[in-house]
Amino acid sequence: MEMPFINECAVETCAYNVGSACHALAITVGDPPHARCDTFFVTSGKGGDPAATGQVGACKMTDCRHNTRLECQASGIAVGPGQDRADCLTYSVRRGAGT
């Protein structure tokens, strides 16, 4: 099982975002009911590995169609402004999960 890459991050205020790219080695998505990027935070400096492209290490959104055993199986994700300032925009409710 490979961790999916964060193809784009549109939350420029995040400490791990440089040039719309996430440089955290791995992020965590979730804390239902919102598919937020739990790794997001604002600080005066930038963090992460500038040579690395961020990946999804864990996903707590068990109702997402990409989630298998708390691991994201999407080919890649996008993070952007959302309800909690930085949300996984690739999140999609699995059929039957919300009913």
C-alpha atoms as a PDB file:
ATOM      1  CA  MET A   1       0.000   0.000   0.000  1.00  0.00           C
ATOM      2  CA  GLU A   2       1.456   3.335  -1.052  1.00  0.00           C
ATOM      3  CA  MET A   3       0.593   6.679   0.471  1.00  0.00           C
ATOM      4  CA  PRO A   4      -1.065   9.060  -1.998  1.00  0.00           C
ATOM      5  CA  PHE A   5       0.634  12.357  -2.784  1.00  0.00           C
ATOM      6  CA  ILE A   6      -0.865  15.745  -2.093  1.00  0.00           C
ATOM      7  CA  ASN A   7      -1.060  17.020  -5.653  1.00  0.00           C
ATOM      8  CA  GLU A   8      -1.946  20.546  -4.609  1.00  0.00           C
ATOM      9  CA  CYS A   9      -2.441  22.605  -1.474  1.00  0.00           C
ATOM     10  CA  ALA A  10      -4.223  25.920  -1.954  1.00  0.00           C
ATOM     11  CA  VAL A  11      -3.926  26.946   1.711  1.00  0.00           C
ATOM     12  CA  GLU A  12      -0.968  29.308   1.497  1.00  0.00           C
ATOM     13  CA  THR A  13      -1.011  30.171   5.205  1.00  0.00           C
ATOM     14  CA  CYS A  14      -0.077  26.606   6.204  1.00  0.00           C
ATOM     15  CA  ALA A  15       3.418  26.167   7.611  1.00  0.00           C
ATOM     16  CA  TYR A  16       4.042  23.252   5.223  1.00  0.00           C
ATOM     17  CA  ASN A  17       2.859  25.030   2.039  1.00  0.00           C
ATOM     18  CA  VAL A  18       5.466  26.519  -0.275  1.00  0.00           C
ATOM     19  CA  GLY A  19       4.329  27.465  -3.774  1.00  0.00           C
ATOM     20  CA  SER A  20       1.021  25.558  -3.487  1.00  0.00           C
ATOM     21  CA  ALA A  21       2.925  22.363  -2.640  1.00  0.00           C
ATOM     22  CA  CYS A  22       2.770  20.530   0.671  1.00  0.00           C
ATOM     23  CA  HIS A  23       6.149  19.639   2.131  1.00  0.00           C
ATOM     24  CA  ALA A  24       4.996  17.744   5.238  1.00  0.00           C
ATOM     25  CA  LEU A  25       6.279  14.197   4.981  1.00  0.00           C
ATOM     26  CA  ALA A  26       2.791  12.918   5.811  1.00  0.00           C
ATOM     27  CA  ILE A  27      -0.502  14.489   6.808  1.00  0.00           C
ATOM     28  CA  THR A  28      -3.522  13.159   8.656  1.00  0.00           C
ATOM     29  CA  VAL A  29      -6.988  13.859   7.309  1.00  0.00           C
ATOM     30  CA  GLY A  30     -10.079  13.918   9.415  1.00  0.00           C
ATOM     31  CA  ASP A  31     -11.775  14.269  12.696  1.00  0.00           C
ATOM     32  CA  PRO A  32     -15.259  13.601  11.501  1.00  0.00           C
ATOM     33  CA  PRO A  33     -17.516  15.162  10.496  1.00  0.00           C
ATOM     34  CA  HIS A  34     -15.017  17.322   8.545  1.00  0.00           C
ATOM     35  CA  ALA A  35     -12.298  16.096   6.181  1.00  0.00           C
ATOM     36  CA  ARG A  36      -9.829  18.646   7.526  1.00  0.00           C
ATOM     37  CA  CYS A  37      -6.094  18.481   7.218  1.00  0.00           C
ATOM     38  CA  ASP A  38      -5.140  17.833  10.850  1.00  0.00           C
ATOM     39  CA  THR A  39      -1.525  18.707  10.049  1.00  0.00           C
ATOM     40  CA  PHE A  40      -2.423  22.285   9.051  1.00  0.00           C
ATOM     41  CA  PHE A  41      -1.152  25.088  11.242  1.00  0.00           C
ATOM     42  CA  VAL A  42       0.045  28.658  10.890  1.00  0.00           C
ATOM     43  CA  THR A  43       3.440  29.829  12.107  1.00  0.00           C
ATOM     44  CA  SER A  44       5.947  32.498  11.146  1.00  0.00           C
ATOM     45  CA  GLY A  45       8.340  30.031   9.484  1.00  0.00           C
ATOM     46  CA  LYS A  46       7.920  27.272   6.942  1.00  0.00           C
ATOM     47  CA  GLY A  47       8.401  23.619   7.832  1.00  0.00           C
ATOM     48  CA  GLY A  48       8.704  20.240   6.233  1.00  0.00           C
ATOM     49  CA  ASP A  49      11.241  18.886   3.811  1.00  0.00           C
ATOM     50  CA  PRO A  50      11.624  21.277   0.856  1.00  0.00           C
ATOM     51  CA  ALA A  51      12.685  18.358  -1.366  1.00  0.00           C
ATOM     52  CA  ALA A  52       9.654  16.227  -0.454  1.00  0.00           C
ATOM     53  CA  THR A  53       6.097  16.199  -1.736  1.00  0.00           C
ATOM     54  CA  GLY A  54       3.581  15.646   1.050  1.00  0.00           C
ATOM     55  CA  GLN A  55       1.613  12.434   1.292  1.00  0.00           C
ATOM     56  CA  VAL A  56      -1.443  11.228   3.188  1.00  0.00           C
ATOM     57  CA  GLY A  57      -0.315   9.141   6.130  1.00  0.00           C
ATOM     58  CA  ALA A  58      -3.723   8.464   7.687  1.00  0.00           C
ATOM     59  CA  CYS A  59      -7.376   9.269   7.116  1.00  0.00           C
ATOM     60  CA  LYS A  60      -9.993   9.259   9.865  1.00  0.00           C
ATOM     61  CA  MET A  61     -12.893   9.787   7.434  1.00  0.00           C
ATOM     62  CA  THR A  62     -14.220   6.225   7.473  1.00  0.00           C
ATOM     63  CA  ASP A  63     -17.191   7.204   5.284  1.00  0.00           C
ATOM     64  CA  CYS A  64     -14.956   8.381   2.407  1.00  0.00           C
ATOM     65  CA  ARG A  65     -15.007   6.234  -0.715  1.00  0.00           C
ATOM     66  CA  HIS A  66     -11.192   6.396  -0.835  1.00  0.00           C
ATOM     67  CA  ASN A  67     -10.731   5.120   2.742  1.00  0.00           C
ATOM     68  CA  THR A  68      -9.728   1.508   3.373  1.00  0.00           C
ATOM     69  CA  ARG A  69      -8.775   0.569   6.935  1.00  0.00           C
ATOM     70  CA  LEU A  70      -8.043   4.266   7.749  1.00  0.00           C
ATOM     71  CA  GLU A  71      -5.673   4.580   4.787  1.00  0.00           C
ATOM     72  CA  CYS A  72      -6.360   6.783   1.778  1.00  0.00           C
ATOM     73  CA  GLN A  73      -6.486   4.885  -1.504  1.00  0.00           C
ATOM     74  CA  ALA A  74      -6.993   7.880  -3.829  1.00  0.00           C
ATOM     75  CA  SER A  75      -4.391   8.292  -6.536  1.00  0.00           C
ATOM     76  CA  GLY A  76      -3.664  11.738  -5.078  1.00  0.00           C
ATOM     77  CA  ILE A  77      -5.495  14.451  -3.168  1.00  0.00           C
ATOM     78  CA  ALA A  78      -5.995  18.201  -3.182  1.00  0.00           C
ATOM     79  CA  VAL A  79      -6.149  20.319  -0.045  1.00  0.00           C
ATOM     80  CA  GLY A  80      -7.848  23.683  -0.082  1.00  0.00           C
ATOM     81  CA  PRO A  81      -9.835  26.208   1.896  1.00  0.00           C
ATOM     82  CA  GLY A  82     -12.843  24.629   3.487  1.00  0.00           C
ATOM     83  CA  GLN A  83     -14.965  24.621   6.583  1.00  0.00           C
ATOM     84  CA  ASP A  84     -11.905  24.226   8.810  1.00  0.00           C
ATOM     85  CA  ARG A  85      -9.432  26.377   6.841  1.00  0.00           C
ATOM     86  CA  ALA A  86      -7.693  23.386   5.243  1.00  0.00           C
ATOM     87  CA  ASP A  87      -9.800  20.498   4.021  1.00  0.00           C
ATOM     88  CA  CYS A  88      -9.237  17.464   1.838  1.00  0.00           C
ATOM     89  CA  LEU A  89     -11.078  18.432  -1.339  1.00  0.00           C
ATOM     90  CA  THR A  90     -10.850  14.860  -2.633  1.00  0.00           C
ATOM     91  CA  TYR A  91     -13.090  13.590   0.178  1.00  0.00           C
ATOM     92  CA  SER A  92     -16.205  11.926  -1.231  1.00  0.00           C
ATOM     93  CA  VAL A  93     -18.838  10.082   0.782  1.00  0.00           C
ATOM     94  CA  ARG A  94     -19.017   6.371   0.007  1.00  0.00           C
ATOM     95  CA  ARG A  95     -22.381   5.285  -1.412  1.00  0.00           C
ATOM     96  CA  GLY A  96     -24.612   4.102   1.379  1.00  0.00           C
ATOM     97  CA  ALA A  97     -22.351   5.557   4.088  1.00  0.00           C
ATOM     98  CA  GLY A  98     -24.572   8.566   4.754  1.00  0.00           C
ATOM     99  CA  THR A  99     -27.881   6.712   4.617  1.00  0.00           C
END
